[in-house]
Amino acid sequence: QHMATASPLPLIEQIANNSSTLKSVSFEKYKIGLNAEWMTKLASALENNTHVQCLNLSNSKIKDKGIKYIYHILATNKGITSLDISHNQFSPASISKIVPLVAENVILQDIRIEESSRASRVDLFKRISDSNSVQAIAASIEVFTEQNRKIQSCSKTSREIVLSINNRALRAIPANVYMAVNLRELH
Protein backbone atom coordinates (compact mmCIF):
# COMPACT_ATOMS: atom_id res chain seq x y z
CA GLN A 1 0.00 0.00 0.00
CA HIS A 2 1.11 3.51 -0.80
CA MET A 3 0.80 6.06 1.99
CA ALA A 4 -0.30 9.54 0.96
CA THR A 5 2.05 12.38 1.83
CA ALA A 6 0.64 14.67 4.49
CA SER A 7 -0.45 18.09 3.29
CA PRO A 8 1.63 21.14 4.20
CA LEU A 9 -1.24 23.50 3.32
CA PRO A 10 -2.20 24.32 6.96
CA LEU A 11 1.43 25.29 7.67
CA ILE A 12 1.62 27.32 4.45
CA GLU A 13 -1.60 29.09 5.49
CA GLN A 14 0.01 30.05 8.82
CA ILE A 15 3.00 31.43 6.91
CA ALA A 16 0.70 33.39 4.58
CA ASN A 17 -1.04 34.85 7.64
CA ASN A 18 2.37 35.93 8.98
CA SER A 19 1.93 34.02 12.23
CA SER A 20 4.29 35.45 14.83
CA THR A 21 4.74 32.01 16.41
CA LEU A 22 6.45 30.60 13.32
CA LYS A 23 10.16 31.38 13.51
CA SER A 24 11.49 28.08 12.19
CA VAL A 25 9.63 25.86 9.72
CA SER A 26 10.51 22.56 8.13
CA PHE A 27 8.88 21.02 5.09
CA GLU A 28 11.12 17.97 5.06
CA LYS A 29 8.39 15.49 5.97
CA TYR A 30 6.02 16.79 3.29
CA LYS A 31 8.21 16.18 0.22
CA ILE A 32 6.87 19.52 -0.98
CA GLY A 33 8.90 19.42 -4.18
CA LEU A 34 6.63 16.70 -5.56
CA ASN A 35 3.74 19.16 -5.79
CA ALA A 36 4.17 22.35 -7.86
CA GLU A 37 1.02 23.85 -6.34
CA TRP A 38 2.46 23.49 -2.83
CA MET A 39 5.75 25.06 -3.90
CA THR A 40 3.92 27.95 -5.58
CA LYS A 41 1.79 28.56 -2.48
CA LEU A 42 4.84 28.42 -0.20
CA ALA A 43 6.82 30.87 -2.32
CA SER A 44 3.81 33.20 -2.41
CA ALA A 45 3.17 32.86 1.34
CA LEU A 46 6.77 33.80 2.14
CA GLU A 47 6.70 36.99 0.03
CA ASN A 48 5.44 39.20 2.84
CA ASN A 49 6.18 36.99 5.84
CA THR A 50 8.32 38.78 8.41
CA HIS A 51 8.49 36.12 11.13
CA VAL A 52 9.97 32.99 9.53
CA GLN A 53 13.73 33.09 10.05
CA CYS A 54 14.74 29.47 9.45
CA LEU A 55 13.39 27.57 6.46
CA ASN A 56 14.21 23.89 6.08
CA LEU A 57 13.49 22.47 2.65
CA SER A 58 16.04 19.66 2.90
CA ASN A 59 15.06 16.24 1.57
CA SER A 60 11.97 17.77 -0.03
CA LYS A 61 12.42 16.29 -3.53
CA ILE A 62 12.54 19.74 -5.14
CA LYS A 63 15.09 18.93 -7.89
CA ASP A 64 16.14 21.29 -10.69
CA LYS A 65 12.61 22.15 -11.84
CA GLY A 66 11.88 23.60 -8.41
CA ILE A 67 14.87 25.94 -8.20
CA LYS A 68 12.60 28.70 -9.54
CA TYR A 69 10.66 28.59 -6.25
CA ILE A 70 13.88 28.89 -4.21
CA TYR A 71 14.82 31.81 -6.45
CA HIS A 72 11.46 33.47 -5.80
CA ILE A 73 11.76 32.98 -2.04
CA LEU A 74 15.26 34.49 -1.99
CA ALA A 75 14.17 37.39 -4.19
CA THR A 76 11.08 38.37 -2.22
CA ASN A 77 11.47 37.34 1.44
CA LYS A 78 13.48 39.66 3.67
CA GLY A 79 13.30 37.73 6.93
CA ILE A 80 14.87 34.33 6.33
CA THR A 81 18.32 34.15 7.95
CA SER A 82 18.85 30.41 7.52
CA LEU A 83 17.93 28.28 4.50
CA ASP A 84 18.55 24.55 4.14
CA ILE A 85 18.01 23.17 0.65
CA SER A 86 20.22 20.11 1.07
CA HIS A 87 19.54 16.73 -0.49
CA ASN A 88 17.19 17.88 -3.23
CA GLN A 89 19.27 16.62 -6.18
CA PHE A 90 20.09 20.06 -7.60
CA SER A 91 22.59 20.31 -10.42
CA PRO A 92 25.44 22.85 -10.24
CA ALA A 93 23.73 24.81 -13.05
CA SER A 94 20.59 25.18 -10.94
CA ILE A 95 22.50 26.27 -7.86
CA SER A 96 24.42 28.85 -9.90
CA LYS A 97 21.07 30.51 -10.75
CA ILE A 98 20.48 31.48 -7.12
CA VAL A 99 24.01 32.73 -6.39
CA PRO A 100 23.28 36.33 -7.48
CA LEU A 101 20.37 36.43 -5.05
CA VAL A 102 22.55 35.13 -2.24
CA ALA A 103 24.98 37.92 -3.11
CA GLU A 104 22.27 40.58 -2.87
CA ASN A 105 20.53 39.21 0.21
CA VAL A 106 22.01 40.82 3.33
CA ILE A 107 19.67 39.01 5.72
CA LEU A 108 20.59 35.42 4.84
CA GLN A 109 23.33 34.28 7.22
CA ASP A 110 23.39 30.56 6.58
CA ILE A 111 22.63 28.50 3.51
CA ARG A 112 23.10 24.74 3.41
CA ILE A 113 23.36 22.96 0.07
CA GLU A 114 24.58 19.42 0.66
CA GLU A 115 23.94 16.46 -1.58
CA SER A 116 24.38 12.76 -0.97
CA SER A 117 26.84 10.55 -2.76
CA ARG A 118 27.24 6.81 -2.52
CA ALA A 119 30.19 7.15 -0.18
CA SER A 120 28.95 9.87 2.15
CA ARG A 121 27.34 13.25 2.47
CA VAL A 122 29.35 15.89 0.69
CA ASP A 123 28.98 19.54 -0.01
CA LEU A 124 27.65 20.00 -3.54
CA PHE A 125 30.53 22.32 -4.41
CA LYS A 126 33.21 19.92 -3.19
CA ARG A 127 31.67 17.09 -5.19
CA ILE A 128 32.33 18.99 -8.40
CA SER A 129 35.61 20.57 -7.37
CA ASP A 130 37.13 20.32 -10.83
CA SER A 131 35.19 23.41 -11.89
CA ASN A 132 36.86 26.72 -11.05
CA SER A 133 33.61 28.62 -11.51
CA VAL A 134 31.82 26.41 -9.00
CA GLN A 135 34.64 26.93 -6.50
CA ALA A 136 34.26 30.66 -7.03
CA ILE A 137 30.51 30.35 -6.42
CA ALA A 138 31.11 28.45 -3.17
CA ALA A 139 33.69 31.01 -2.05
CA SER A 140 31.29 33.86 -2.87
CA ILE A 141 28.51 32.29 -0.84
CA GLU A 142 30.88 31.89 2.12
CA VAL A 143 32.01 35.53 1.88
CA PHE A 144 28.46 36.83 1.53
CA THR A 145 27.08 34.83 4.44
CA GLU A 146 29.98 35.98 6.66
CA GLN A 147 29.33 39.59 5.64
CA ASN A 148 25.64 39.09 6.42
CA ARG A 149 26.53 37.89 9.92
CA LYS A 150 28.59 41.06 10.41
CA ILE A 151 25.82 43.29 9.09
CA GLN A 152 23.32 41.68 11.46
CA SER A 153 25.70 42.03 14.39
CA CYS A 154 25.99 45.80 13.86
CA SER A 155 22.99 46.41 16.04
CA LYS A 156 23.74 43.66 18.55
CA THR A 157 27.20 44.58 19.77
CA SER A 158 28.42 47.44 21.92
CA ARG A 159 31.96 47.56 20.57
CA GLU A 160 32.91 49.65 17.56
CA ILE A 161 33.13 47.80 14.31
CA VAL A 162 34.42 48.40 10.81
CA LEU A 163 32.31 46.85 8.09
CA SER A 164 33.46 46.28 4.53
CA ILE A 165 30.79 45.40 2.00
CA ASN A 166 32.58 46.66 -1.09
CA ASN A 167 32.36 43.34 -2.97
CA ARG A 168 28.59 43.04 -2.65
CA ALA A 169 26.13 43.29 -5.49
CA LEU A 170 23.84 45.44 -3.37
CA ARG A 171 21.39 47.85 -4.92
CA ALA A 172 21.33 49.80 -1.65
CA ILE A 173 23.00 49.65 1.74
CA PRO A 174 20.55 48.13 4.24
CA ALA A 175 19.00 50.67 6.62
CA ASN A 176 20.04 48.67 9.69
CA VAL A 177 23.69 49.30 8.80
CA TYR A 178 23.22 53.08 8.97
CA MET A 179 21.28 52.81 12.23
CA ALA A 180 24.08 50.97 14.02
CA VAL A 181 25.39 53.49 16.54
CA ASN A 182 28.61 51.54 16.97
CA LEU A 183 29.55 51.54 13.28
CA ARG A 184 32.81 53.42 13.07
CA GLU A 185 33.59 52.93 9.40
CA LEU A 186 31.81 51.63 6.32
CA HIS A 187 33.54 50.91 3.02
C-alpha atoms as a PDB file:
ATOM      1  CA  GLN A   1       0.000   0.000   0.000  1.00  0.00           C
ATOM      2  CA  HIS A   2       1.108   3.507  -0.805  1.00  0.00           C
ATOM      3  CA  MET A   3       0.802   6.064   1.991  1.00  0.00           C
ATOM      4  CA  ALA A   4      -0.298   9.538   0.959  1.00  0.00           C
ATOM      5  CA  THR A   5       2.049  12.376   1.827  1.00  0.00           C
ATOM      6  CA  ALA A   6       0.635  14.674   4.492  1.00  0.00           C
ATOM      7  CA  SER A   7      -0.447  18.093   3.295  1.00  0.00           C
ATOM      8  CA  PRO A   8       1.632  21.138   4.197  1.00  0.00           C
ATOM      9  CA  LEU A   9      -1.244  23.496   3.325  1.00  0.00           C
ATOM     10  CA  PRO A  10      -2.204  24.316   6.963  1.00  0.00           C
ATOM     11  CA  LEU A  11       1.426  25.287   7.667  1.00  0.00           C
ATOM     12  CA  ILE A  12       1.624  27.319   4.448  1.00  0.00           C
ATOM     13  CA  GLU A  13      -1.599  29.089   5.487  1.00  0.00           C
ATOM     14  CA  GLN A  14       0.011  30.051   8.818  1.00  0.00           C
ATOM     15  CA  ILE A  15       3.000  31.428   6.913  1.00  0.00           C
ATOM     16  CA  ALA A  16       0.699  33.388   4.583  1.00  0.00           C
ATOM     17  CA  ASN A  17      -1.043  34.854   7.642  1.00  0.00           C
ATOM     18  CA  ASN A  18       2.372  35.929   8.983  1.00  0.00           C
ATOM     19  CA  SER A  19       1.931  34.022  12.230  1.00  0.00           C
ATOM     20  CA  SER A  20       4.295  35.450  14.826  1.00  0.00           C
ATOM     21  CA  THR A  21       4.738  32.014  16.410  1.00  0.00           C
ATOM     22  CA  LEU A  22       6.454  30.604  13.316  1.00  0.00           C
ATOM     23  CA  LYS A  23      10.163  31.378  13.514  1.00  0.00           C
ATOM     24  CA  SER A  24      11.487  28.082  12.187  1.00  0.00           C
ATOM     25  CA  VAL A  25       9.629  25.863   9.719  1.00  0.00           C
ATOM     26  CA  SER A  26      10.506  22.560   8.130  1.00  0.00           C
ATOM     27  CA  PHE A  27       8.877  21.018   5.089  1.00  0.00           C
ATOM     28  CA  GLU A  28      11.123  17.968   5.055  1.00  0.00           C
ATOM     29  CA  LYS A  29       8.386  15.493   5.967  1.00  0.00           C
ATOM     30  CA  TYR A  30       6.017  16.792   3.286  1.00  0.00           C
ATOM     31  CA  LYS A  31       8.210  16.180   0.220  1.00  0.00           C
ATOM     32  CA  ILE A  32       6.866  19.517  -0.976  1.00  0.00           C
ATOM     33  CA  GLY A  33       8.900  19.420  -4.183  1.00  0.00           C
ATOM     34  CA  LEU A  34       6.630  16.698  -5.557  1.00  0.00           C
ATOM     35  CA  ASN A  35       3.740  19.164  -5.792  1.00  0.00           C
ATOM     36  CA  ALA A  36       4.173  22.348  -7.862  1.00  0.00           C
ATOM     37  CA  GLU A  37       1.022  23.846  -6.343  1.00  0.00           C
ATOM     38  CA  TRP A  38       2.461  23.486  -2.827  1.00  0.00           C
ATOM     39  CA  MET A  39       5.745  25.057  -3.895  1.00  0.00           C
ATOM     40  CA  THR A  40       3.916  27.947  -5.581  1.00  0.00           C
ATOM     41  CA  LYS A  41       1.794  28.560  -2.485  1.00  0.00           C
ATOM     42  CA  LEU A  42       4.836  28.416  -0.201  1.00  0.00           C
ATOM     43  CA  ALA A  43       6.818  30.871  -2.319  1.00  0.00           C
ATOM     44  CA  SER A  44       3.811  33.205  -2.412  1.00  0.00           C
ATOM     45  CA  ALA A  45       3.168  32.864   1.341  1.00  0.00           C
ATOM     46  CA  LEU A  46       6.772  33.797   2.135  1.00  0.00           C
ATOM     47  CA  GLU A  47       6.704  36.987   0.027  1.00  0.00           C
ATOM     48  CA  ASN A  48       5.439  39.198   2.844  1.00  0.00           C
ATOM     49  CA  ASN A  49       6.178  36.994   5.837  1.00  0.00           C
ATOM     50  CA  THR A  50       8.316  38.783   8.415  1.00  0.00           C
ATOM     51  CA  HIS A  51       8.492  36.123  11.131  1.00  0.00           C
ATOM     52  CA  VAL A  52       9.972  32.992   9.533  1.00  0.00           C
ATOM     53  CA  GLN A  53      13.728  33.091  10.051  1.00  0.00           C
ATOM     54  CA  CYS A  54      14.737  29.471   9.448  1.00  0.00           C
ATOM     55  CA  LEU A  55      13.387  27.571   6.458  1.00  0.00           C
ATOM     56  CA  ASN A  56      14.210  23.887   6.083  1.00  0.00           C
ATOM     57  CA  LEU A  57      13.486  22.467   2.647  1.00  0.00           C
ATOM     58  CA  SER A  58      16.035  19.661   2.895  1.00  0.00           C
ATOM     59  CA  ASN A  59      15.063  16.238   1.569  1.00  0.00           C
ATOM     60  CA  SER A  60      11.973  17.770  -0.027  1.00  0.00           C
ATOM     61  CA  LYS A  61      12.417  16.290  -3.530  1.00  0.00           C
ATOM     62  CA  ILE A  62      12.540  19.738  -5.136  1.00  0.00           C
ATOM     63  CA  LYS A  63      15.091  18.925  -7.893  1.00  0.00           C
ATOM     64  CA  ASP A  64      16.144  21.291 -10.692  1.00  0.00           C
ATOM     65  CA  LYS A  65      12.612  22.147 -11.838  1.00  0.00           C
ATOM     66  CA  GLY A  66      11.881  23.597  -8.411  1.00  0.00           C
ATOM     67  CA  ILE A  67      14.874  25.944  -8.203  1.00  0.00           C
ATOM     68  CA  LYS A  68      12.595  28.702  -9.543  1.00  0.00           C
ATOM     69  CA  TYR A  69      10.665  28.585  -6.247  1.00  0.00           C
ATOM     70  CA  ILE A  70      13.876  28.890  -4.212  1.00  0.00           C
ATOM     71  CA  TYR A  71      14.823  31.812  -6.454  1.00  0.00           C
ATOM     72  CA  HIS A  72      11.458  33.475  -5.802  1.00  0.00           C
ATOM     73  CA  ILE A  73      11.761  32.980  -2.043  1.00  0.00           C
ATOM     74  CA  LEU A  74      15.264  34.488  -1.987  1.00  0.00           C
ATOM     75  CA  ALA A  75      14.166  37.391  -4.193  1.00  0.00           C
ATOM     76  CA  THR A  76      11.082  38.371  -2.223  1.00  0.00           C
ATOM     77  CA  ASN A  77      11.466  37.340   1.443  1.00  0.00           C
ATOM     78  CA  LYS A  78      13.482  39.657   3.671  1.00  0.00           C
ATOM     79  CA  GLY A  79      13.304  37.730   6.931  1.00  0.00           C
ATOM     80  CA  ILE A  80      14.873  34.331   6.332  1.00  0.00           C
ATOM     81  CA  THR A  81      18.316  34.152   7.947  1.00  0.00           C
ATOM     82  CA  SER A  82      18.849  30.406   7.520  1.00  0.00           C
ATOM     83  CA  LEU A  83      17.925  28.281   4.504  1.00  0.00           C
ATOM     84  CA  ASP A  84      18.554  24.554   4.139  1.00  0.00           C
ATOM     85  CA  ILE A  85      18.008  23.169   0.646  1.00  0.00           C
ATOM     86  CA  SER A  86      20.221  20.109   1.070  1.00  0.00           C
ATOM     87  CA  HIS A  87      19.540  16.733  -0.495  1.00  0.00           C
ATOM     88  CA  ASN A  88      17.187  17.878  -3.233  1.00  0.00           C
ATOM     89  CA  GLN A  89      19.273  16.622  -6.179  1.00  0.00           C
ATOM     90  CA  PHE A  90      20.093  20.060  -7.599  1.00  0.00           C
ATOM     91  CA  SER A  91      22.594  20.309 -10.419  1.00  0.00           C
ATOM     92  CA  PRO A  92      25.436  22.852 -10.243  1.00  0.00           C
ATOM     93  CA  ALA A  93      23.727  24.806 -13.046  1.00  0.00           C
ATOM     94  CA  SER A  94      20.590  25.181 -10.938  1.00  0.00           C
ATOM     95  CA  ILE A  95      22.496  26.275  -7.863  1.00  0.00           C
ATOM     96  CA  SER A  96      24.420  28.850  -9.895  1.00  0.00           C
ATOM     97  CA  LYS A  97      21.075  30.511 -10.752  1.00  0.00           C
ATOM     98  CA  ILE A  98      20.479  31.476  -7.124  1.00  0.00           C
ATOM     99  CA  VAL A  99      24.012  32.735  -6.391  1.00  0.00           C
ATOM    100  CA  PRO A 100      23.275  36.335  -7.484  1.00  0.00           C
ATOM    101  CA  LEU A 101      20.366  36.427  -5.046  1.00  0.00           C
ATOM    102  CA  VAL A 102      22.548  35.130  -2.238  1.00  0.00           C
ATOM    103  CA  ALA A 103      24.984  37.924  -3.110  1.00  0.00           C
ATOM    104  CA  GLU A 104      22.271  40.581  -2.867  1.00  0.00           C
ATOM    105  CA  ASN A 105      20.525  39.210   0.210  1.00  0.00           C
ATOM    106  CA  VAL A 106      22.005  40.824   3.327  1.00  0.00           C
ATOM    107  CA  ILE A 107      19.671  39.012   5.716  1.00  0.00           C
ATOM    108  CA  LEU A 108      20.591  35.415   4.835  1.00  0.00           C
ATOM    109  CA  GLN A 109      23.331  34.282   7.218  1.00  0.00           C
ATOM    110  CA  ASP A 110      23.386  30.562   6.581  1.00  0.00           C
ATOM    111  CA  ILE A 111      22.627  28.498   3.511  1.00  0.00           C
ATOM    112  CA  ARG A 112      23.103  24.740   3.409  1.00  0.00           C
ATOM    113  CA  ILE A 113      23.358  22.960   0.075  1.00  0.00           C
ATOM    114  CA  GLU A 114      24.576  19.415   0.662  1.00  0.00           C
ATOM    115  CA  GLU A 115      23.935  16.464  -1.580  1.00  0.00           C
ATOM    116  CA  SER A 116      24.378  12.758  -0.967  1.00  0.00           C
ATOM    117  CA  SER A 117      26.836  10.553  -2.755  1.00  0.00           C
ATOM    118  CA  ARG A 118      27.238   6.812  -2.521  1.00  0.00           C
ATOM    119  CA  ALA A 119      30.193   7.151  -0.177  1.00  0.00           C
ATOM    120  CA  SER A 120      28.954   9.874   2.148  1.00  0.00           C
ATOM    121  CA  ARG A 121      27.344  13.247   2.472  1.00  0.00           C
ATOM    122  CA  VAL A 122      29.346  15.885   0.690  1.00  0.00           C
ATOM    123  CA  ASP A 123      28.977  19.541  -0.006  1.00  0.00           C
ATOM    124  CA  LEU A 124      27.654  20.000  -3.540  1.00  0.00           C
ATOM    125  CA  PHE A 125      30.528  22.317  -4.415  1.00  0.00           C
ATOM    126  CA  LYS A 126      33.209  19.921  -3.187  1.00  0.00           C
ATOM    127  CA  ARG A 127      31.672  17.086  -5.193  1.00  0.00           C
ATOM    128  CA  ILE A 128      32.327  18.993  -8.401  1.00  0.00           C
ATOM    129  CA  SER A 129      35.607  20.570  -7.367  1.00  0.00           C
ATOM    130  CA  ASP A 130      37.135  20.322 -10.829  1.00  0.00           C
ATOM    131  CA  SER A 131      35.194  23.410 -11.894  1.00  0.00           C
ATOM    132  CA  ASN A 132      36.863  26.722 -11.048  1.00  0.00           C
ATOM    133  CA  SER A 133      33.610  28.616 -11.513  1.00  0.00           C
ATOM    134  CA  VAL A 134      31.823  26.412  -9.000  1.00  0.00           C
ATOM    135  CA  GLN A 135      34.640  26.927  -6.497  1.00  0.00           C
ATOM    136  CA  ALA A 136      34.265  30.662  -7.028  1.00  0.00           C
ATOM    137  CA  ILE A 137      30.508  30.354  -6.415  1.00  0.00           C
ATOM    138  CA  ALA A 138      31.112  28.453  -3.174  1.00  0.00           C
ATOM    139  CA  ALA A 139      33.692  31.013  -2.054  1.00  0.00           C
ATOM    140  CA  SER A 140      31.289  33.860  -2.868  1.00  0.00           C
ATOM    141  CA  ILE A 141      28.513  32.290  -0.840  1.00  0.00           C
ATOM    142  CA  GLU A 142      30.877  31.888   2.118  1.00  0.00           C
ATOM    143  CA  VAL A 143      32.011  35.530   1.881  1.00  0.00           C
ATOM    144  CA  PHE A 144      28.458  36.831   1.526  1.00  0.00           C
ATOM    145  CA  THR A 145      27.084  34.827   4.438  1.00  0.00           C
ATOM    146  CA  GLU A 146      29.976  35.977   6.658  1.00  0.00           C
ATOM    147  CA  GLN A 147      29.332  39.587   5.643  1.00  0.00           C
ATOM    148  CA  ASN A 148      25.645  39.091   6.420  1.00  0.00           C
ATOM    149  CA  ARG A 149      26.527  37.893   9.919  1.00  0.00           C
ATOM    150  CA  LYS A 150      28.593  41.059  10.414  1.00  0.00           C
ATOM    151  CA  ILE A 151      25.821  43.287   9.095  1.00  0.00           C
ATOM    152  CA  GLN A 152      23.320  41.682  11.460  1.00  0.00           C
ATOM    153  CA  SER A 153      25.699  42.035  14.394  1.00  0.00           C
ATOM    154  CA  CYS A 154      25.994  45.798  13.861  1.00  0.00           C
ATOM    155  CA  SER A 155      22.985  46.413  16.038  1.00  0.00           C
ATOM    156  CA  LYS A 156      23.745  43.661  18.546  1.00  0.00           C
ATOM    157  CA  THR A 157      27.196  44.582  19.770  1.00  0.00           C
ATOM    158  CA  SER A 158      28.422  47.439  21.923  1.00  0.00           C
ATOM    159  CA  ARG A 159      31.962  47.555  20.573  1.00  0.00           C
ATOM    160  CA  GLU A 160      32.914  49.653  17.562  1.00  0.00           C
ATOM    161  CA  ILE A 161      33.133  47.801  14.309  1.00  0.00           C
ATOM    162  CA  VAL A 162      34.420  48.401  10.811  1.00  0.00           C
ATOM    163  CA  LEU A 163      32.312  46.854   8.091  1.00  0.00           C
ATOM    164  CA  SER A 164      33.459  46.278   4.529  1.00  0.00           C
ATOM    165  CA  ILE A 165      30.793  45.396   1.999  1.00  0.00           C
ATOM    166  CA  ASN A 166      32.578  46.659  -1.087  1.00  0.00           C
ATOM    167  CA  ASN A 167      32.362  43.342  -2.969  1.00  0.00           C
ATOM    168  CA  ARG A 168      28.592  43.035  -2.654  1.00  0.00           C
ATOM    169  CA  ALA A 169      26.134  43.288  -5.493  1.00  0.00           C
ATOM    170  CA  LEU A 170      23.838  45.438  -3.374  1.00  0.00           C
ATOM    171  CA  ARG A 171      21.390  47.851  -4.921  1.00  0.00           C
ATOM    172  CA  ALA A 172      21.329  49.799  -1.654  1.00  0.00           C
ATOM    173  CA  ILE A 173      22.998  49.653   1.735  1.00  0.00           C
ATOM    174  CA  PRO A 174      20.551  48.133   4.243  1.00  0.00           C
ATOM    175  CA  ALA A 175      19.000  50.666   6.620  1.00  0.00           C
ATOM    176  CA  ASN A 176      20.038  48.674   9.695  1.00  0.00           C
ATOM    177  CA  VAL A 177      23.688  49.301   8.796  1.00  0.00           C
ATOM    178  CA  TYR A 178      23.216  53.078   8.966  1.00  0.00           C
ATOM    179  CA  MET A 179      21.284  52.808  12.228  1.00  0.00           C
ATOM    180  CA  ALA A 180      24.084  50.973  14.015  1.00  0.00           C
ATOM    181  CA  VAL A 181      25.390  53.492  16.541  1.00  0.00           C
ATOM    182  CA  ASN A 182      28.613  51.542  16.975  1.00  0.00           C
ATOM    183  CA  LEU A 183      29.551  51.544  13.276  1.00  0.00           C
ATOM    184  CA  ARG A 184      32.811  53.417  13.070  1.00  0.00           C
ATOM    185  CA  GLU A 185      33.594  52.930   9.399  1.00  0.00           C
ATOM    186  CA  LEU A 186      31.813  51.631   6.317  1.00  0.00           C
ATOM    187  CA  HIS A 187      33.537  50.907   3.024  1.00  0.00           C
END
